[in-house]
Every structure is written in C-alpha cells, then in structure tokens.
C-alpha cells in the first residue's frame, strides 16, 4: 500500500490491536516513540521488530521510526541508557562534548532500530524569563549554535541516524509554548529574525536530512497562519531561499497551537501548499483516521494538492529510503 504522509504516535509498550489497526488503515510512513512506549531495551527492540513485521505484512514495506532524544528534559529513552545532558550544558562543555553525546545518542538509537532523531534544537536561547525553551537551546549566539548544531547533525548522520533541525524558522523569541498556546512574534520584524535563520542555513548546507516546522505565528511572513502552514515560510524561505531539498516535517499537529484553531481540512491543504512532507500526529490515535481522510479528500479534489503530495512522498523516500534498505 502506498505510504501516507503521516508519522503517528501510539500508546503502550507492546503491540496492541489498536496499533495493528492504525498501521493497516492509516498506512503511516513512520511511527514516533515517546517515553510511554519505553520500559527497557529488550521491550523496545521487540516492540519495533513486531511493528516492522506488521507493516511488512499489511503494507508490503517497513516503517521509519523517529524519536525526540535531545537530552536534558527531552529524552524519551530516559532510564535505558546514560542520560544525555541538556543542550545548554553541552554547549558550555564545548564542541567535544556535543560530538561525544551526539555519538552516544546515535549508537543508542541505531542499536534499537530508530532511524530519525528530532534533534538538535537550533532555536536561539534568550534571557531567562523571555523564551519558553531555555535549556533546550544550545546558546544565544547564532554562530555558536550554527557550529555546535553542525557538529551534532554530522555526528548523528555519519553514524546512520537522520538529524532534524528544529523549529524552523526559529522559536527562541516565543514566550508561549505551542503545546498549549499559539505563540505570536508580533513585536518583531523580519529583520530581527535574520540571526535566527543562520543556524538553519548552516544545517541545510551541512546536509541535514530533516527540518521541523515551528507552530508560532510570524505576522511579517504570514499574518494568518503559523509557520507550519505558511507557504511563505516553507516554500519561499526554506525551499527557495535556503535551498533545502530534504524532508520538511511538521511539529506535532495535536498541539493546541494547531488543533484548537485549524480544521484538519485546512491543515492538510495549507500544509501541502507550505511544502510539508510529513504530518506528525503524536498524542491522539483517534485523530489519525479523520486526518487521513482529510488528506485523501484534498489530494483527490485538487490536482495541485495531488502534485504536492506526490512530490512529498518522493522526498520522504529519497531522504529516508536508505534506512529501510539497510535494515
């Protein structure tokens, strides 16, 4: 069965009838692991082996497996391996520490059969009390973030794990967390964002496999839609200006910044026009089938959206195909 553009999350630490059903009906391109799916190394290995077997049985192909293994507060494999320090701690320890821990993460993920790490965060840090990301960020200086981010990206990818530059075009100035609110960068202008683009420009030049979108609203680029759904950000800025040809993925569309404000029909139409290759639905399994229907309806109703969908699937296969060929 042809893959959909969906990457989905799911509950539980073992294969359930619900996950079997989702794999058969949603035909996801990939799955995303969270701490709720993780107990111990043999359990994760068995879970992924069984999920891959189900996918090959039902869909005739494997699944890409992704995870957020940033370090600090965001490490889904907590308790299984040596903890990874937060990005700000790594930056303070220097380039060698970034390379060491990125290599450690790559080994951990590779041994489990995980193909894609949604890291590093390339957002610029801010003074305490301004941005919500804080220790998720490497530093405030764009050159330092660019240098350390490139080390992180190259280390992961040299060891066979796809890296992700996030959250494009830069979320460091956002005061609100898109898990719960829609951040609006209203006081800022396009010129103020120039330093925030530098780490992403360097990541693209370094060959990063994945860029993840920001759910913040940047009114100077699009006054109506957050970056995830803005063609001015995804197509014009990322694809045309920066020349990115890899996989452009949304942040989790179950976050309040998107789901509470935008219908599935609007999300798929705007997302396809914005150049998204993968739609992430990570928290609510019941959302997956209605979203897939909205996607199918969109690409069946408009030739332009069908063309965008076909191009997106081709980019996913080009960006990640080697993972399944080598597994």
C-alpha atoms as a PDB file:
ATOM      1  CA  UNK A   1       0.000   0.000   0.000  1.00  0.00           C
ATOM      2  CA  UNK A   2       1.374   3.474  -0.797  1.00  0.00           C
ATOM      3  CA  UNK A   3       2.567   5.334   2.251  1.00  0.00           C
ATOM      4  CA  UNK A   4       0.617   8.248   3.644  1.00  0.00           C
ATOM      5  CA  UNK A   5       2.465  11.353   4.780  1.00  0.00           C
ATOM      6  CA  UNK A   6       1.593  10.617   8.397  1.00  0.00           C
ATOM      7  CA  UNK A   7       4.000   9.873  11.231  1.00  0.00           C
ATOM      8  CA  UNK A   8       1.951   8.683  14.194  1.00  0.00           C
ATOM      9  CA  UNK A   9       2.341   8.209  17.924  1.00  0.00           C
ATOM     10  CA  UNK A  10       0.584   5.450  19.843  1.00  0.00           C
ATOM     11  CA  UNK A  11       0.019   4.312  23.448  1.00  0.00           C
ATOM     12  CA  UNK A  12       1.548   1.347  25.176  1.00  0.00           C
ATOM     13  CA  UNK A  13       4.752  -0.655  25.392  1.00  0.00           C
ATOM     14  CA  UNK A  14       3.695  -3.561  23.204  1.00  0.00           C
ATOM     15  CA  UNK A  15       1.776  -4.233  20.024  1.00  0.00           C
ATOM     16  CA  UNK A  16      -1.947  -3.713  20.545  1.00  0.00           C
ATOM     17  CA  UNK A  17      -4.967  -4.327  18.360  1.00  0.00           C
ATOM     18  CA  UNK A  18      -5.261  -0.539  18.064  1.00  0.00           C
ATOM     19  CA  UNK A  19      -1.721  -0.136  16.673  1.00  0.00           C
ATOM     20  CA  UNK A  20      -2.289  -3.068  14.298  1.00  0.00           C
ATOM     21  CA  UNK A  21      -5.448  -1.329  13.081  1.00  0.00           C
ATOM     22  CA  UNK A  22      -3.680   2.020  12.635  1.00  0.00           C
ATOM     23  CA  UNK A  23      -0.857   0.509  10.630  1.00  0.00           C
ATOM     24  CA  UNK A  24      -3.350  -1.248   8.329  1.00  0.00           C
ATOM     25  CA  UNK A  25      -5.740   1.659   7.847  1.00  0.00           C
ATOM     26  CA  UNK A  26      -3.525   4.756   8.074  1.00  0.00           C
ATOM     27  CA  UNK A  27      -0.524   3.262   6.232  1.00  0.00           C
ATOM     28  CA  UNK A  28       1.827   5.672   8.034  1.00  0.00           C
ATOM     29  CA  UNK A  29       5.220   6.486   6.679  1.00  0.00           C
ATOM     30  CA  UNK A  30       6.553   6.236  10.197  1.00  0.00           C
ATOM     31  CA  UNK A  31       5.914   5.987  13.921  1.00  0.00           C
ATOM     32  CA  UNK A  32       7.153   8.254  16.697  1.00  0.00           C
ATOM     33  CA  UNK A  33       8.258   6.818  20.043  1.00  0.00           C
ATOM     34  CA  UNK A  34       7.642   8.536  23.385  1.00  0.00           C
ATOM     35  CA  UNK A  35       8.547   7.671  26.959  1.00  0.00           C
ATOM     36  CA  UNK A  36       5.121   5.996  27.278  1.00  0.00           C
ATOM     37  CA  UNK A  37       6.371   3.355  24.815  1.00  0.00           C
ATOM     38  CA  UNK A  38       9.623   2.656  26.653  1.00  0.00           C
ATOM     39  CA  UNK A  39      10.362   0.359  29.601  1.00  0.00           C
ATOM     40  CA  UNK A  40      13.604  -1.475  28.866  1.00  0.00           C
ATOM     41  CA  UNK A  41      15.878  -2.253  25.945  1.00  0.00           C
ATOM     42  CA  UNK A  42      14.572  -5.761  25.054  1.00  0.00           C
ATOM     43  CA  UNK A  43      10.988  -4.477  25.229  1.00  0.00           C
ATOM     44  CA  UNK A  44      11.665  -1.565  22.834  1.00  0.00           C
ATOM     45  CA  UNK A  45      13.521  -3.859  20.446  1.00  0.00           C
ATOM     46  CA  UNK A  46      10.658  -6.364  20.470  1.00  0.00           C
ATOM     47  CA  UNK A  47       8.060  -3.608  20.007  1.00  0.00           C
ATOM     48  CA  UNK A  48       9.832  -2.218  16.967  1.00  0.00           C
ATOM     49  CA  UNK A  49      10.556  -5.634  15.475  1.00  0.00           C
ATOM     50  CA  UNK A  50       6.876  -6.530  15.749  1.00  0.00           C
ATOM     51  CA  UNK A  51       5.730  -3.170  14.371  1.00  0.00           C
ATOM     52  CA  UNK A  52       8.031  -3.607  11.377  1.00  0.00           C
ATOM     53  CA  UNK A  53       6.751  -7.134  10.823  1.00  0.00           C
ATOM     54  CA  UNK A  54       3.150  -5.905  10.923  1.00  0.00           C
ATOM     55  CA  UNK A  55       3.923  -3.152   8.462  1.00  0.00           C
ATOM     56  CA  UNK A  56       5.600  -5.535   6.038  1.00  0.00           C
ATOM     57  CA  UNK A  57       2.652  -7.913   6.336  1.00  0.00           C
ATOM     58  CA  UNK A  58      -0.060  -5.271   5.876  1.00  0.00           C
ATOM     59  CA  UNK A  59       1.675  -2.656   3.729  1.00  0.00           C
ATOM     60  CA  UNK A  60       4.467  -4.522   1.964  1.00  0.00           C
ATOM     61  CA  UNK A  61       7.107  -2.188   3.384  1.00  0.00           C
ATOM     62  CA  UNK A  62       8.721  -1.136   6.639  1.00  0.00           C
ATOM     63  CA  UNK A  63       8.179   1.907   8.849  1.00  0.00           C
ATOM     64  CA  UNK A  64      10.524   4.741   9.626  1.00  0.00           C
ATOM     65  CA  UNK A  65      10.957   5.163  13.373  1.00  0.00           C
ATOM     66  CA  UNK A  66      11.517   8.578  14.927  1.00  0.00           C
ATOM     67  CA  UNK A  67      12.051   9.903  18.450  1.00  0.00           C
ATOM     68  CA  UNK A  68      12.869  13.099  20.359  1.00  0.00           C
ATOM     69  CA  UNK A  69      16.186  12.290  22.025  1.00  0.00           C
ATOM     70  CA  UNK A  70      17.524  15.798  22.616  1.00  0.00           C
ATOM     71  CA  UNK A  71      18.911  15.417  26.132  1.00  0.00           C
ATOM     72  CA  UNK A  72      18.001  17.150  29.368  1.00  0.00           C
ATOM     73  CA  UNK A  73      14.239  17.207  29.908  1.00  0.00           C
ATOM     74  CA  UNK A  74      13.521  15.770  26.453  1.00  0.00           C
ATOM     75  CA  UNK A  75      14.909  12.255  26.202  1.00  0.00           C
ATOM     76  CA  UNK A  76      12.381   9.542  25.575  1.00  0.00           C
ATOM     77  CA  UNK A  77      14.837   6.762  26.415  1.00  0.00           C
ATOM     78  CA  UNK A  78      15.392   8.023  29.953  1.00  0.00           C
ATOM     79  CA  UNK A  79      16.256   5.126  32.237  1.00  0.00           C
ATOM     80  CA  UNK A  80      17.541   2.863  29.471  1.00  0.00           C
ATOM     81  CA  UNK A  81      20.945   4.443  28.894  1.00  0.00           C
ATOM     82  CA  UNK A  82      23.358   7.010  30.271  1.00  0.00           C
ATOM     83  CA  UNK A  83      21.432  10.312  30.437  1.00  0.00           C
ATOM     84  CA  UNK A  84      22.208  12.924  27.820  1.00  0.00           C
ATOM     85  CA  UNK A  85      22.872  16.435  29.172  1.00  0.00           C
ATOM     86  CA  UNK A  86      20.672  19.350  28.166  1.00  0.00           C
ATOM     87  CA  UNK A  87      21.755  21.325  25.121  1.00  0.00           C
ATOM     88  CA  UNK A  88      22.840  24.340  27.189  1.00  0.00           C
ATOM     89  CA  UNK A  89      25.093  22.090  29.307  1.00  0.00           C
ATOM     90  CA  UNK A  90      26.616  20.547  26.185  1.00  0.00           C
ATOM     91  CA  UNK A  91      27.371  23.969  24.727  1.00  0.00           C
ATOM     92  CA  UNK A  92      29.058  25.048  27.949  1.00  0.00           C
ATOM     93  CA  UNK A  93      31.222  21.904  27.840  1.00  0.00           C
ATOM     94  CA  UNK A  94      32.308  22.641  24.264  1.00  0.00           C
ATOM     95  CA  UNK A  95      32.332  21.022  20.805  1.00  0.00           C
ATOM     96  CA  UNK A  96      33.925  17.813  22.060  1.00  0.00           C
ATOM     97  CA  UNK A  97      31.036  17.211  24.448  1.00  0.00           C
ATOM     98  CA  UNK A  98      28.485  17.833  21.691  1.00  0.00           C
ATOM     99  CA  UNK A  99      30.241  15.316  19.441  1.00  0.00           C
ATOM    100  CA  UNK A 100      30.586  12.774  22.240  1.00  0.00           C
ATOM    101  CA  UNK A 101      26.950  12.830  23.337  1.00  0.00           C
ATOM    102  CA  UNK A 102      25.573  13.050  19.801  1.00  0.00           C
ATOM    103  CA  UNK A 103      27.626   9.957  19.009  1.00  0.00           C
ATOM    104  CA  UNK A 104      26.305   8.255  22.128  1.00  0.00           C
ATOM    105  CA  UNK A 105      22.732   9.061  21.107  1.00  0.00           C
ATOM    106  CA  UNK A 106      23.363   7.750  17.592  1.00  0.00           C
ATOM    107  CA  UNK A 107      24.654   4.449  18.977  1.00  0.00           C
ATOM    108  CA  UNK A 108      21.674   4.108  21.329  1.00  0.00           C
ATOM    109  CA  UNK A 109      19.132   4.824  18.606  1.00  0.00           C
ATOM    110  CA  UNK A 110      20.832   2.737  15.957  1.00  0.00           C
ATOM    111  CA  UNK A 111      21.020  -0.294  18.219  1.00  0.00           C
ATOM    112  CA  UNK A 112      17.287  -0.076  18.894  1.00  0.00           C
ATOM    113  CA  UNK A 113      16.301   0.314  15.252  1.00  0.00           C
ATOM    114  CA  UNK A 114      15.373   4.016  15.448  1.00  0.00           C
ATOM    115  CA  UNK A 115      16.126   5.914  12.248  1.00  0.00           C
ATOM    116  CA  UNK A 116      15.370   9.586  12.901  1.00  0.00           C
ATOM    117  CA  UNK A 117      16.204  11.819  15.856  1.00  0.00           C
ATOM    118  CA  UNK A 118      14.129  15.001  16.152  1.00  0.00           C
ATOM    119  CA  UNK A 119      17.227  16.889  17.289  1.00  0.00           C
ATOM    120  CA  UNK A 120      19.075  19.214  17.535  1.00  0.00           C
ATOM    121  CA  UNK A 121      17.118  22.291  18.560  1.00  0.00           C
ATOM    122  CA  UNK A 122      18.621  25.183  16.595  1.00  0.00           C
ATOM    123  CA  UNK A 123      16.463  27.899  18.141  1.00  0.00           C
ATOM    124  CA  UNK A 124      18.475  30.702  19.735  1.00  0.00           C
ATOM    125  CA  UNK A 125      18.426  30.892  23.509  1.00  0.00           C
ATOM    126  CA  UNK A 126      17.193  34.033  25.223  1.00  0.00           C
ATOM    127  CA  UNK A 127      17.498  35.698  28.583  1.00  0.00           C
ATOM    128  CA  UNK A 128      15.685  33.819  31.375  1.00  0.00           C
ATOM    129  CA  UNK A 129      12.021  34.713  31.518  1.00  0.00           C
ATOM    130  CA  UNK A 130      11.713  35.608  27.815  1.00  0.00           C
ATOM    131  CA  UNK A 131      11.583  32.402  25.796  1.00  0.00           C
ATOM    132  CA  UNK A 132       9.985  29.165  26.986  1.00  0.00           C
ATOM    133  CA  UNK A 133      12.664  26.887  25.514  1.00  0.00           C
ATOM    134  CA  UNK A 134      15.564  27.938  27.776  1.00  0.00           C
ATOM    135  CA  UNK A 135      17.901  24.938  28.314  1.00  0.00           C
ATOM    136  CA  UNK A 136      16.578  23.217  25.172  1.00  0.00           C
ATOM    137  CA  UNK A 137      18.719  25.719  23.218  1.00  0.00           C
ATOM    138  CA  UNK A 138      22.468  25.462  22.754  1.00  0.00           C
ATOM    139  CA  UNK A 139      23.217  29.168  23.080  1.00  0.00           C
ATOM    140  CA  UNK A 140      22.063  32.688  22.274  1.00  0.00           C
ATOM    141  CA  UNK A 141      24.812  33.446  19.757  1.00  0.00           C
ATOM    142  CA  UNK A 142      23.789  32.311  16.246  1.00  0.00           C
ATOM    143  CA  UNK A 143      27.346  31.456  15.208  1.00  0.00           C
ATOM    144  CA  UNK A 144      27.849  29.247  18.264  1.00  0.00           C
ATOM    145  CA  UNK A 145      24.533  27.486  17.659  1.00  0.00           C
ATOM    146  CA  UNK A 146      25.413  27.024  13.982  1.00  0.00           C
ATOM    147  CA  UNK A 147      28.824  25.498  14.743  1.00  0.00           C
ATOM    148  CA  UNK A 148      27.608  23.190  17.514  1.00  0.00           C
ATOM    149  CA  UNK A 149      24.454  22.267  15.603  1.00  0.00           C
ATOM    150  CA  UNK A 150      26.506  21.251  12.593  1.00  0.00           C
ATOM    151  CA  UNK A 151      28.682  19.007  14.795  1.00  0.00           C
ATOM    152  CA  UNK A 152      25.548  17.417  16.250  1.00  0.00           C
ATOM    153  CA  UNK A 153      23.994  16.884  12.815  1.00  0.00           C
ATOM    154  CA  UNK A 154      27.100  15.468  11.177  1.00  0.00           C
ATOM    155  CA  UNK A 155      27.802  13.151  14.119  1.00  0.00           C
ATOM    156  CA  UNK A 156      24.304  11.660  14.052  1.00  0.00           C
ATOM    157  CA  UNK A 157      24.196  11.290  10.286  1.00  0.00           C
ATOM    158  CA  UNK A 158      27.729   9.931   9.947  1.00  0.00           C
ATOM    159  CA  UNK A 159      26.562   7.152  12.267  1.00  0.00           C
ATOM    160  CA  UNK A 160      23.430   6.372  10.281  1.00  0.00           C
ATOM    161  CA  UNK A 161      20.766   8.343  12.188  1.00  0.00           C
ATOM    162  CA  UNK A 162      18.937  11.192  10.444  1.00  0.00           C
ATOM    163  CA  UNK A 163      19.130  14.501  12.287  1.00  0.00           C
ATOM    164  CA  UNK A 164      16.441  17.197  12.461  1.00  0.00           C
ATOM    165  CA  UNK A 165      16.972  20.961  12.560  1.00  0.00           C
ATOM    166  CA  UNK A 166      14.131  22.491  14.570  1.00  0.00           C
ATOM    167  CA  UNK A 167      11.993  24.611  14.946  1.00  0.00           C
ATOM    168  CA  UNK A 168      12.158  26.469  11.626  1.00  0.00           C
ATOM    169  CA  UNK A 169      12.385  29.457  11.189  1.00  0.00           C
ATOM    170  CA  UNK A 170      13.318  29.920  14.854  1.00  0.00           C
ATOM    171  CA  UNK A 171      11.238  29.686  18.036  1.00  0.00           C
ATOM    172  CA  UNK A 172      13.673  31.229  20.500  1.00  0.00           C
ATOM    173  CA  UNK A 173      11.796  34.534  20.794  1.00  0.00           C
ATOM    174  CA  UNK A 174       8.440  32.874  21.533  1.00  0.00           C
ATOM    175  CA  UNK A 175       7.167  33.469  25.052  1.00  0.00           C
ATOM    176  CA  UNK A 176       4.375  30.872  24.841  1.00  0.00           C
ATOM    177  CA  UNK A 177       4.650  27.114  24.410  1.00  0.00           C
ATOM    178  CA  UNK A 178       2.781  25.856  21.287  1.00  0.00           C
ATOM    179  CA  UNK A 179       1.797  22.704  23.176  1.00  0.00           C
ATOM    180  CA  UNK A 180      -0.741  24.931  24.937  1.00  0.00           C
ATOM    181  CA  UNK A 181      -0.952  28.258  23.066  1.00  0.00           C
ATOM    182  CA  UNK A 182      -0.284  29.896  19.714  1.00  0.00           C
ATOM    183  CA  UNK A 183       2.925  31.933  20.105  1.00  0.00           C
ATOM    184  CA  UNK A 184       2.785  35.191  18.143  1.00  0.00           C
ATOM    185  CA  UNK A 185       6.012  37.024  17.388  1.00  0.00           C
ATOM    186  CA  UNK A 186       4.107  40.265  16.971  1.00  0.00           C
ATOM    187  CA  UNK A 187       6.686  42.736  18.347  1.00  0.00           C
ATOM    188  CA  UNK A 188       9.381  41.503  15.989  1.00  0.00           C
ATOM    189  CA  UNK A 189      10.019  42.216  12.340  1.00  0.00           C
ATOM    190  CA  UNK A 190      11.586  40.180   9.571  1.00  0.00           C
ATOM    191  CA  UNK A 191      14.980  41.852  10.067  1.00  0.00           C
ATOM    192  CA  UNK A 192      15.002  40.680  13.695  1.00  0.00           C
ATOM    193  CA  UNK A 193      14.713  37.077  12.504  1.00  0.00           C
ATOM    194  CA  UNK A 194      17.897  37.192  10.395  1.00  0.00           C
ATOM    195  CA  UNK A 195      20.177  35.870  13.190  1.00  0.00           C
ATOM    196  CA  UNK A 196      17.678  33.099  13.946  1.00  0.00           C
ATOM    197  CA  UNK A 197      17.962  31.786  10.387  1.00  0.00           C
ATOM    198  CA  UNK A 198      21.762  31.415  10.492  1.00  0.00           C
ATOM    199  CA  UNK A 199      21.846  28.006  12.256  1.00  0.00           C
ATOM    200  CA  UNK A 200      19.238  26.655   9.826  1.00  0.00           C
ATOM    201  CA  UNK A 201      21.146  27.954   6.802  1.00  0.00           C
ATOM    202  CA  UNK A 202      24.256  26.163   8.062  1.00  0.00           C
ATOM    203  CA  UNK A 203      22.323  22.993   8.838  1.00  0.00           C
ATOM    204  CA  UNK A 204      20.943  22.907   5.297  1.00  0.00           C
ATOM    205  CA  UNK A 205      24.440  23.482   3.912  1.00  0.00           C
ATOM    206  CA  UNK A 206      25.685  20.605   6.086  1.00  0.00           C
ATOM    207  CA  UNK A 207      23.115  18.266   4.522  1.00  0.00           C
ATOM    208  CA  UNK A 208      20.686  17.837   7.406  1.00  0.00           C
ATOM    209  CA  UNK A 209      18.100  15.238   6.426  1.00  0.00           C
ATOM    210  CA  UNK A 210      15.101  16.808   8.191  1.00  0.00           C
ATOM    211  CA  UNK A 211      13.791  20.260   9.087  1.00  0.00           C
ATOM    212  CA  UNK A 212      10.894  20.547  11.538  1.00  0.00           C
ATOM    213  CA  UNK A 213       8.494  23.485  11.451  1.00  0.00           C
ATOM    214  CA  UNK A 214       7.590  25.948  14.183  1.00  0.00           C
ATOM    215  CA  UNK A 215       3.970  26.346  15.228  1.00  0.00           C
ATOM    216  CA  UNK A 216       4.488  30.048  16.010  1.00  0.00           C
ATOM    217  CA  UNK A 217       2.868  32.858  14.032  1.00  0.00           C
ATOM    218  CA  UNK A 218       5.263  35.243  12.265  1.00  0.00           C
ATOM    219  CA  UNK A 219       2.960  38.056  11.074  1.00  0.00           C
ATOM    220  CA  UNK A 220       5.643  39.652   8.889  1.00  0.00           C
ATOM    221  CA  UNK A 221       5.696  36.454   6.766  1.00  0.00           C
ATOM    222  CA  UNK A 222       2.073  35.367   7.129  1.00  0.00           C
ATOM    223  CA  UNK A 223      -0.393  37.264   9.327  1.00  0.00           C
ATOM    224  CA  UNK A 224      -2.948  34.457   9.355  1.00  0.00           C
ATOM    225  CA  UNK A 225      -1.127  31.117   9.599  1.00  0.00           C
ATOM    226  CA  UNK A 226       1.633  29.710  11.825  1.00  0.00           C
ATOM    227  CA  UNK A 227       4.892  28.784  10.107  1.00  0.00           C
ATOM    228  CA  UNK A 228       3.860  25.129   9.807  1.00  0.00           C
ATOM    229  CA  UNK A 229       1.028  26.171   7.478  1.00  0.00           C
ATOM    230  CA  UNK A 230       2.645  29.165   5.787  1.00  0.00           C
ATOM    231  CA  UNK A 231       3.884  28.812   2.204  1.00  0.00           C
ATOM    232  CA  UNK A 232       5.929  31.984   2.691  1.00  0.00           C
ATOM    233  CA  UNK A 233       7.967  30.084   5.301  1.00  0.00           C
ATOM    234  CA  UNK A 234       8.063  26.509   3.957  1.00  0.00           C
ATOM    235  CA  UNK A 235       8.230  27.054   0.216  1.00  0.00           C
ATOM    236  CA  UNK A 236       9.638  30.548  -0.189  1.00  0.00           C
ATOM    237  CA  UNK A 237      12.046  30.722   2.737  1.00  0.00           C
ATOM    238  CA  UNK A 238      13.102  27.123   3.336  1.00  0.00           C
ATOM    239  CA  UNK A 239      12.901  25.564  -0.130  1.00  0.00           C
ATOM    240  CA  UNK A 240      13.670  28.509  -2.402  1.00  0.00           C
ATOM    241  CA  UNK A 241      15.880  30.816  -0.341  1.00  0.00           C
ATOM    242  CA  UNK A 242      17.787  28.231   1.727  1.00  0.00           C
ATOM    243  CA  UNK A 243      17.683  25.545  -0.964  1.00  0.00           C
ATOM    244  CA  UNK A 244      16.547  22.726   1.314  1.00  0.00           C
ATOM    245  CA  UNK A 245      15.688  19.546  -0.599  1.00  0.00           C
ATOM    246  CA  UNK A 246      15.266  17.114   2.302  1.00  0.00           C
ATOM    247  CA  UNK A 247      12.229  16.168   4.392  1.00  0.00           C
ATOM    248  CA  UNK A 248      10.224  19.056   5.847  1.00  0.00           C
ATOM    249  CA  UNK A 249       8.069  17.786   8.714  1.00  0.00           C
ATOM    250  CA  UNK A 250       5.503  19.447  10.918  1.00  0.00           C
ATOM    251  CA  UNK A 251       5.821  19.647  14.646  1.00  0.00           C
ATOM    252  CA  UNK A 252       3.111  17.620  16.386  1.00  0.00           C
ATOM    253  CA  UNK A 253      -0.264  18.641  14.954  1.00  0.00           C
ATOM    254  CA  UNK A 254      -2.017  17.526  18.130  1.00  0.00           C
ATOM    255  CA  UNK A 255      -0.548  20.594  19.864  1.00  0.00           C
ATOM    256  CA  UNK A 256      -3.050  23.269  20.828  1.00  0.00           C
ATOM    257  CA  UNK A 257      -1.430  25.896  18.578  1.00  0.00           C
ATOM    258  CA  UNK A 258      -2.759  23.975  15.567  1.00  0.00           C
ATOM    259  CA  UNK A 259      -5.512  21.613  16.614  1.00  0.00           C
ATOM    260  CA  UNK A 260      -7.590  24.053  18.639  1.00  0.00           C
ATOM    261  CA  UNK A 261      -7.530  26.634  15.865  1.00  0.00           C
ATOM    262  CA  UNK A 262      -7.495  24.887  12.496  1.00  0.00           C
ATOM    263  CA  UNK A 263      -9.616  22.117  10.967  1.00  0.00           C
ATOM    264  CA  UNK A 264      -7.984  19.022   9.507  1.00  0.00           C
ATOM    265  CA  UNK A 265      -9.143  20.106   6.059  1.00  0.00           C
ATOM    266  CA  UNK A 266      -7.354  23.429   6.407  1.00  0.00           C
ATOM    267  CA  UNK A 267      -4.256  21.829   7.901  1.00  0.00           C
ATOM    268  CA  UNK A 268      -3.773  19.398   5.031  1.00  0.00           C
ATOM    269  CA  UNK A 269      -4.455  21.971   2.308  1.00  0.00           C
ATOM    270  CA  UNK A 270      -2.284  24.665   3.836  1.00  0.00           C
ATOM    271  CA  UNK A 271       0.375  22.137   4.853  1.00  0.00           C
ATOM    272  CA  UNK A 272       0.659  20.705   1.349  1.00  0.00           C
ATOM    273  CA  UNK A 273       0.867  24.209  -0.102  1.00  0.00           C
ATOM    274  CA  UNK A 274       3.526  25.064   2.504  1.00  0.00           C
ATOM    275  CA  UNK A 275       5.656  22.146   1.312  1.00  0.00           C
ATOM    276  CA  UNK A 276       5.267  19.787   4.272  1.00  0.00           C
ATOM    277  CA  UNK A 277       6.406  16.256   3.533  1.00  0.00           C
ATOM    278  CA  UNK A 278       5.224  14.637   6.772  1.00  0.00           C
ATOM    279  CA  UNK A 279       2.377  15.431   9.143  1.00  0.00           C
ATOM    280  CA  UNK A 280       3.058  14.386  12.749  1.00  0.00           C
ATOM    281  CA  UNK A 281       0.097  13.174  14.839  1.00  0.00           C
ATOM    282  CA  UNK A 282       1.640  12.083  18.090  1.00  0.00           C
ATOM    283  CA  UNK A 283      -0.793  12.263  21.011  1.00  0.00           C
ATOM    284  CA  UNK A 284      -4.276  11.170  19.945  1.00  0.00           C
ATOM    285  CA  UNK A 285      -4.581   7.926  17.978  1.00  0.00           C
ATOM    286  CA  UNK A 286      -8.254   8.714  17.323  1.00  0.00           C
ATOM    287  CA  UNK A 287      -7.146  11.717  15.270  1.00  0.00           C
ATOM    288  CA  UNK A 288      -5.223   9.666  12.706  1.00  0.00           C
ATOM    289  CA  UNK A 289      -8.051   8.262  10.589  1.00  0.00           C
ATOM    290  CA  UNK A 290     -10.059  11.520  10.301  1.00  0.00           C
ATOM    291  CA  UNK A 291      -6.865  13.361   9.393  1.00  0.00           C
ATOM    292  CA  UNK A 292      -6.002  10.772   6.753  1.00  0.00           C
ATOM    293  CA  UNK A 293      -9.478  11.153   5.267  1.00  0.00           C
ATOM    294  CA  UNK A 294      -8.976  14.924   5.072  1.00  0.00           C
ATOM    295  CA  UNK A 295      -5.640  14.345   3.346  1.00  0.00           C
ATOM    296  CA  UNK A 296      -7.115  11.859   0.882  1.00  0.00           C
ATOM    297  CA  UNK A 297     -10.041  14.173   0.102  1.00  0.00           C
ATOM    298  CA  UNK A 298      -7.675  17.079  -0.538  1.00  0.00           C
ATOM    299  CA  UNK A 299      -5.401  15.261  -2.956  1.00  0.00           C
ATOM    300  CA  UNK A 300      -8.380  13.728  -4.783  1.00  0.00           C
ATOM    301  CA  UNK A 301     -10.137  17.064  -5.175  1.00  0.00           C
ATOM    302  CA  UNK A 302      -7.316  19.272  -6.465  1.00  0.00           C
ATOM    303  CA  UNK A 303      -4.597  18.417  -8.965  1.00  0.00           C
ATOM    304  CA  UNK A 304      -2.260  20.979  -7.378  1.00  0.00           C
ATOM    305  CA  UNK A 305      -2.508  19.301  -3.976  1.00  0.00           C
ATOM    306  CA  UNK A 306      -2.118  15.850  -5.529  1.00  0.00           C
ATOM    307  CA  UNK A 307       1.090  17.049  -7.169  1.00  0.00           C
ATOM    308  CA  UNK A 308       2.342  18.429  -3.845  1.00  0.00           C
ATOM    309  CA  UNK A 309       1.532  15.082  -2.183  1.00  0.00           C
ATOM    310  CA  UNK A 310       3.394  13.065  -4.824  1.00  0.00           C
ATOM    311  CA  UNK A 311       6.433  15.333  -4.512  1.00  0.00           C
ATOM    312  CA  UNK A 312       6.328  14.992  -0.728  1.00  0.00           C
ATOM    313  CA  UNK A 313       6.236  11.191  -0.822  1.00  0.00           C
ATOM    314  CA  UNK A 314       9.148  11.196  -3.263  1.00  0.00           C
ATOM    315  CA  UNK A 315      11.167  13.429  -0.916  1.00  0.00           C
ATOM    316  CA  UNK A 316      10.434  11.155   2.047  1.00  0.00           C
ATOM    317  CA  UNK A 317      11.563   8.107   0.103  1.00  0.00           C
ATOM    318  CA  UNK A 318      14.676   9.918  -1.108  1.00  0.00           C
ATOM    319  CA  UNK A 319      15.508  11.254   2.364  1.00  0.00           C
ATOM    320  CA  UNK A 320      14.852   8.089   4.389  1.00  0.00           C
ATOM    321  CA  UNK A 321      14.755   5.176   1.949  1.00  0.00           C
ATOM    322  CA  UNK A 322      18.267   4.066   2.849  1.00  0.00           C
ATOM    323  CA  UNK A 323      17.198   3.343   6.432  1.00  0.00           C
ATOM    324  CA  UNK A 324      14.853   0.520   5.444  1.00  0.00           C
ATOM    325  CA  UNK A 325      17.146  -0.782   2.708  1.00  0.00           C
ATOM    326  CA  UNK A 326      19.920  -1.279   5.258  1.00  0.00           C
ATOM    327  CA  UNK A 327      17.713  -2.777   7.992  1.00  0.00           C
END
